[in-house]
Amino acid sequence: MPKFNRINGFLILCALSLTLFIYCNGSGTTATGDNGDNGDTTGDTSGTGLENPTSAVIANHSAVDSFDNIPDSVIEFISENFNFYYGHTSHGSQIITGLNMLQYENALYAKPSFYERSDDLGTLGDTSWVTNLRYRLDQGTYNIAMMSWCGGVSTNTTAGINTYLSKMDELESDYPDVLFIYMTGHLDGTGDAGNLRAMNNLIRSYCNANEKILFDFADIESYDPDGTFYADGSDACEWCLDWCASNDCPSCDNCARSHCYNCYVKGKAFWWLMSKLAP
């Protein structure tokens, strides 16, 4: 009987991993090459020094309202000097889509250089993402690095989240000239009592206590522009549909797994985050 249970447990774990892989890679927007890369077309801004903030920088839903206050000179500096390594699958591409939407709307918001790799943070203590990230950072090209989650926070544990936080902190120590952006996982409809909320709160608490940079994916999805909180929302951004039914909203070709307006507000929040990292 114990052997039977172990075998079943292994099969369940394999099925969960396969489900996450299919879900995260099924409709993303990242074009990949032989090694999961989309080709490195970024410029070399390794000479542009960016300093780690002296207090936590948290981009949540309130950052969206501050987007219009970013000075033009800061926007231009970011466009010309920020050079990202970004590992993501479908959900993580929402940031890129949002940045593209804003650039299409106003050429001033020219997206900075991004090297995109089709990869994410996995779940349950997966650290396979670290190898390629280190390989790329060793080239000395990038001054900012970030990795996004797919559905991996929803199925995670305290031990798994702590492994993620530990690896990020280790990378920060080994690459002091690179800024690292942490992320929470996207909404999954489980609300206040769900595992996602608890795991995201671990990430938030760590970033606040240790002066980290956080893009709070879930919090941005949880509020409409009027400030109404949707505790049980999902990655589909149900409120986006209602909001855009009575307000003018920009369109896009595809916002992976979600509504175009969700990508749009994420783009605004990300510009605010970048503005706080500029000298």
Protein backbone atom coordinates (compact mmCIF):
# COMPACT_ATOMS: atom_id res chain seq x y z
CA MET A 1 0.00 0.00 0.00
CA PRO A 2 2.76 2.58 0.77
CA LYS A 3 4.34 1.83 -2.60
CA PHE A 4 0.99 2.36 -4.30
CA ASN A 5 0.59 5.72 -2.55
CA ARG A 6 4.07 6.87 -3.56
CA ILE A 7 3.42 5.95 -7.18
CA ASN A 8 0.11 7.79 -7.18
CA GLY A 9 1.70 10.82 -5.56
CA PHE A 10 4.38 10.86 -8.25
CA LEU A 11 1.78 10.59 -11.03
CA ILE A 12 -0.26 13.43 -9.51
CA LEU A 13 2.85 15.63 -9.33
CA CYS A 14 3.68 14.84 -12.96
CA ALA A 15 0.12 15.65 -14.03
CA LEU A 16 0.22 18.97 -12.15
CA SER A 17 3.53 19.90 -13.77
CA LEU A 18 2.20 19.02 -17.24
CA THR A 19 -0.98 21.02 -16.65
CA LEU A 20 1.02 24.09 -15.61
CA PHE A 21 3.31 23.71 -18.62
CA ILE A 22 0.42 23.52 -21.09
CA TYR A 23 -1.46 26.36 -19.41
CA CYS A 24 1.54 28.66 -19.23
CA ASN A 25 2.81 28.03 -22.75
CA GLY A 26 -0.46 27.60 -24.63
CA SER A 27 -1.18 31.19 -25.70
CA GLY A 28 1.71 33.40 -24.76
CA THR A 29 3.25 35.99 -27.05
CA THR A 30 6.94 35.17 -26.75
CA ALA A 31 8.59 33.89 -29.90
CA THR A 32 11.23 31.33 -28.94
CA GLY A 33 14.34 29.95 -30.55
CA ASP A 34 16.08 26.61 -30.12
CA ASN A 35 16.85 27.26 -26.46
CA GLY A 36 13.66 29.05 -25.53
CA ASP A 37 15.13 32.45 -26.42
CA ASN A 38 13.60 34.98 -28.77
CA GLY A 39 16.99 36.26 -29.90
CA ASP A 40 19.04 38.90 -28.11
CA THR A 41 18.34 42.17 -29.89
CA THR A 42 18.97 44.45 -26.93
CA GLY A 43 21.55 47.18 -26.83
CA ASP A 44 24.43 47.10 -24.39
CA THR A 45 23.68 49.50 -21.56
CA SER A 46 25.98 47.80 -19.08
CA GLY A 47 27.73 51.13 -18.56
CA THR A 48 24.52 52.70 -17.26
CA GLY A 49 24.62 52.31 -13.50
CA LEU A 50 21.37 51.97 -11.60
CA GLU A 51 21.36 52.05 -7.83
CA ASN A 52 19.31 49.78 -5.62
CA PRO A 53 16.63 51.74 -3.79
CA THR A 54 17.09 52.45 -0.09
CA SER A 55 13.50 51.44 0.68
CA ALA A 56 11.03 49.00 -0.83
CA VAL A 57 9.56 49.96 -4.21
CA ILE A 58 6.14 48.36 -4.62
CA ALA A 59 4.19 48.77 -7.85
CA ASN A 60 0.57 47.97 -6.98
CA HIS A 61 -2.78 49.31 -8.22
CA SER A 62 -2.03 52.80 -6.89
CA ALA A 63 0.92 53.04 -9.30
CA VAL A 64 -1.53 53.11 -12.22
CA ASP A 65 -2.91 56.48 -11.08
CA SER A 66 0.63 57.91 -10.86
CA PHE A 67 1.51 57.05 -14.46
CA ASP A 68 0.62 60.50 -15.82
CA ASN A 69 2.97 62.18 -13.32
CA ILE A 70 6.17 60.66 -14.73
CA PRO A 71 8.37 63.48 -16.15
CA ASP A 72 9.22 63.29 -19.84
CA SER A 73 12.93 63.43 -19.07
CA VAL A 74 12.65 60.31 -16.89
CA ILE A 75 10.71 58.49 -19.61
CA GLU A 76 13.40 59.31 -22.16
CA PHE A 77 16.16 58.16 -19.82
CA ILE A 78 14.41 54.83 -19.24
CA SER A 79 13.84 54.25 -22.96
CA GLU A 80 17.50 54.86 -23.73
CA ASN A 81 19.25 53.28 -20.75
CA PHE A 82 17.24 50.42 -19.25
CA ASN A 83 18.10 46.95 -20.53
CA PHE A 84 16.02 44.05 -19.23
CA TYR A 85 16.42 40.32 -18.98
CA TYR A 86 12.84 39.05 -18.69
CA GLY A 87 11.84 35.41 -18.33
CA HIS A 88 8.12 34.86 -18.82
CA THR A 89 5.45 32.71 -20.38
CA SER A 90 1.85 33.67 -21.17
CA HIS A 91 0.81 35.70 -18.13
CA GLY A 92 4.12 37.51 -17.90
CA SER A 93 3.71 38.70 -21.49
CA GLN A 94 0.90 40.96 -20.27
CA ILE A 95 3.49 43.52 -19.16
CA ILE A 96 5.09 43.57 -22.61
CA THR A 97 1.68 43.89 -24.28
CA GLY A 98 0.81 46.79 -21.99
CA LEU A 99 4.07 48.58 -22.76
CA ASN A 100 3.46 48.10 -26.48
CA MET A 101 -0.06 49.50 -26.15
CA LEU A 102 1.23 52.63 -24.44
CA GLN A 103 3.95 53.13 -27.03
CA TYR A 104 1.38 52.79 -29.83
CA GLU A 105 -0.79 55.34 -28.07
CA ASN A 106 2.05 57.81 -27.52
CA ALA A 107 5.52 57.46 -29.06
CA LEU A 108 7.05 59.17 -26.02
CA TYR A 109 6.64 55.89 -24.12
CA ALA A 110 9.17 54.02 -26.21
CA LYS A 111 9.67 50.64 -24.61
CA PRO A 112 13.22 50.10 -23.31
CA SER A 113 15.33 47.13 -24.44
CA PHE A 114 14.05 43.70 -23.42
CA TYR A 115 15.62 40.30 -23.83
CA GLU A 116 12.70 37.89 -23.45
CA ARG A 117 13.11 34.21 -22.68
CA SER A 118 10.24 31.75 -22.65
CA ASP A 119 10.61 30.62 -19.05
CA ASP A 120 8.90 31.26 -15.73
CA LEU A 121 9.35 30.62 -12.01
CA GLY A 122 7.63 27.24 -12.02
CA THR A 123 6.28 26.04 -8.67
CA LEU A 124 7.20 24.14 -5.49
CA GLY A 125 10.77 25.36 -5.25
CA ASP A 126 11.72 25.00 -8.91
CA THR A 127 15.05 26.74 -9.55
CA SER A 128 15.67 25.69 -13.15
CA TRP A 129 15.18 29.33 -14.23
CA VAL A 130 18.34 30.40 -12.40
CA THR A 131 20.79 28.72 -14.78
CA ASN A 132 19.96 30.70 -17.93
CA LEU A 133 19.53 33.90 -15.97
CA ARG A 134 23.05 33.58 -14.58
CA TYR A 135 24.40 32.74 -18.03
CA ARG A 136 22.87 35.91 -19.48
CA LEU A 137 23.89 38.15 -16.58
CA ASP A 138 27.47 36.92 -16.86
CA GLN A 139 27.57 38.59 -20.28
CA GLY A 140 27.35 41.96 -18.54
CA THR A 141 24.67 43.35 -20.86
CA TYR A 142 21.66 43.82 -18.59
CA ASN A 143 21.10 46.26 -15.76
CA ILE A 144 17.66 44.93 -14.71
CA ALA A 145 16.43 41.34 -14.42
CA MET A 146 13.06 39.84 -13.62
CA MET A 147 11.20 36.56 -13.82
CA SER A 148 7.43 36.14 -13.76
CA TRP A 149 5.14 33.44 -12.45
CA CYS A 150 2.54 31.59 -14.44
CA GLY A 151 0.19 29.61 -12.18
CA GLY A 152 2.98 28.57 -9.85
CA VAL A 153 2.03 30.67 -6.83
CA SER A 154 -1.45 29.14 -6.61
CA THR A 155 -0.01 25.65 -6.13
CA ASN A 156 3.00 26.67 -4.05
CA THR A 157 4.01 26.17 -0.43
CA THR A 158 5.79 28.31 2.13
CA ALA A 159 8.96 26.31 1.50
CA GLY A 160 8.64 26.82 -2.25
CA ILE A 161 8.13 30.57 -1.95
CA ASN A 162 11.07 30.84 0.46
CA THR A 163 13.24 29.03 -2.09
CA TYR A 164 12.27 31.63 -4.70
CA LEU A 165 13.04 34.50 -2.33
CA SER A 166 16.35 32.96 -1.30
CA LYS A 167 17.46 32.50 -4.92
CA MET A 168 16.56 36.07 -5.79
CA ASP A 169 18.49 37.36 -2.81
CA GLU A 170 21.45 35.20 -3.80
CA LEU A 171 21.39 36.63 -7.31
CA GLU A 172 21.29 40.17 -5.94
CA SER A 173 24.42 39.45 -3.91
CA ASP A 174 26.25 37.90 -6.86
CA TYR A 175 25.26 40.64 -9.35
CA PRO A 176 25.32 43.92 -7.39
CA ASP A 177 25.20 46.02 -10.58
CA VAL A 178 21.87 44.52 -11.64
CA LEU A 179 18.47 45.45 -10.20
CA PHE A 180 16.13 42.51 -9.60
CA ILE A 181 12.35 42.82 -9.73
CA TYR A 182 10.24 40.42 -7.66
CA MET A 183 6.67 39.49 -8.61
CA THR A 184 3.50 38.12 -7.10
CA GLY A 185 1.37 35.57 -8.94
CA HIS A 186 -1.76 36.40 -10.93
CA LEU A 187 -5.26 36.11 -9.48
CA ASP A 188 -6.97 32.72 -9.62
CA GLY A 189 -10.44 33.37 -8.20
CA THR A 190 -9.80 31.78 -4.80
CA GLY A 191 -10.16 35.04 -2.86
CA ASP A 192 -9.07 35.86 0.68
CA ALA A 193 -9.12 32.26 1.88
CA GLY A 194 -7.14 30.88 -1.05
CA ASN A 195 -3.57 29.63 -1.03
CA LEU A 196 -2.63 32.24 -3.63
CA ARG A 197 -3.37 35.12 -1.28
CA ALA A 198 -1.27 33.57 1.50
CA MET A 199 1.69 32.88 -0.79
CA ASN A 200 1.53 36.35 -2.39
CA ASN A 201 1.49 37.88 1.09
CA LEU A 202 4.72 36.06 1.90
CA ILE A 203 6.34 37.72 -1.12
CA ARG A 204 4.91 41.13 -0.23
CA SER A 205 6.03 40.93 3.39
CA TYR A 206 9.54 39.88 2.39
CA CYS A 207 9.90 42.69 -0.16
CA ASN A 208 8.62 45.32 2.27
CA ALA A 209 10.88 44.14 5.08
CA ASN A 210 14.02 43.81 2.95
CA GLU A 211 13.86 46.88 0.68
CA LYS A 212 13.14 44.93 -2.49
CA ILE A 213 11.54 45.93 -5.79
CA LEU A 214 8.14 44.31 -6.34
CA PHE A 215 5.71 44.31 -9.25
CA ASP A 216 2.50 43.26 -7.51
CA PHE A 217 0.78 41.47 -10.37
CA ALA A 218 -2.18 40.32 -8.27
CA ASP A 219 -2.88 43.63 -6.56
CA ILE A 220 -2.99 45.46 -9.89
CA GLU A 221 -5.58 42.98 -11.13
CA SER A 222 -7.69 43.38 -7.97
CA TYR A 223 -8.81 47.03 -8.38
CA ASP A 224 -10.68 48.90 -11.06
CA PRO A 225 -9.85 52.57 -11.82
CA ASP A 226 -12.48 53.73 -9.31
CA GLY A 227 -10.61 51.91 -6.55
CA THR A 228 -13.19 49.14 -6.15
CA PHE A 229 -11.60 45.96 -4.78
CA TYR A 230 -12.53 42.59 -6.31
CA ALA A 231 -11.57 39.99 -3.71
CA ASP A 232 -12.62 36.99 -5.80
CA GLY A 233 -11.36 38.11 -9.19
CA SER A 234 -9.38 35.87 -11.52
CA ASP A 235 -6.72 36.36 -14.18
CA ALA A 236 -9.52 36.90 -16.71
CA CYS A 237 -10.11 40.34 -15.12
CA GLU A 238 -13.88 40.15 -15.00
CA TRP A 239 -14.18 43.77 -13.89
CA CYS A 240 -12.32 44.86 -17.04
CA LEU A 241 -15.24 43.75 -19.19
CA ASP A 242 -17.73 45.71 -17.09
CA TRP A 243 -15.51 48.79 -16.94
CA CYS A 244 -14.88 48.90 -20.66
CA ALA A 245 -18.58 48.50 -21.39
CA SER A 246 -19.13 52.02 -20.06
CA ASN A 247 -15.69 53.62 -20.54
CA ASP A 248 -13.33 54.08 -23.46
CA CYS A 249 -10.64 51.39 -23.35
CA PRO A 250 -7.78 50.78 -25.77
CA SER A 251 -7.72 47.56 -27.75
CA CYS A 252 -4.90 45.13 -28.48
CA ASP A 253 -4.28 42.07 -30.66
CA ASN A 254 -4.03 39.75 -27.66
CA CYS A 255 -3.64 40.06 -23.91
CA ALA A 256 -2.63 36.54 -22.94
CA ARG A 257 -5.21 34.81 -20.70
CA SER A 258 -6.97 38.09 -19.99
CA HIS A 259 -8.62 41.32 -21.15
CA CYS A 260 -6.67 44.00 -23.05
CA TYR A 261 -7.39 46.56 -20.35
CA ASN A 262 -5.62 44.35 -17.80
CA CYS A 263 -2.49 44.53 -19.96
CA TYR A 264 -2.93 48.27 -20.37
CA VAL A 265 -3.00 49.03 -16.64
CA LYS A 266 -0.06 46.70 -16.05
CA GLY A 267 1.89 48.68 -18.63
CA LYS A 268 1.13 51.90 -16.74
CA ALA A 269 2.12 50.39 -13.40
CA PHE A 270 5.35 49.10 -14.90
CA TRP A 271 6.27 52.54 -16.25
CA TRP A 272 5.75 53.94 -12.74
CA LEU A 273 8.00 51.21 -11.33
CA MET A 274 10.73 51.99 -13.86
CA SER A 275 10.49 55.68 -13.02
CA LYS A 276 11.29 54.89 -9.38
CA LEU A 277 14.43 53.02 -10.45
CA ALA A 278 15.79 55.82 -12.64
CA PRO A 279 18.59 57.99 -11.16
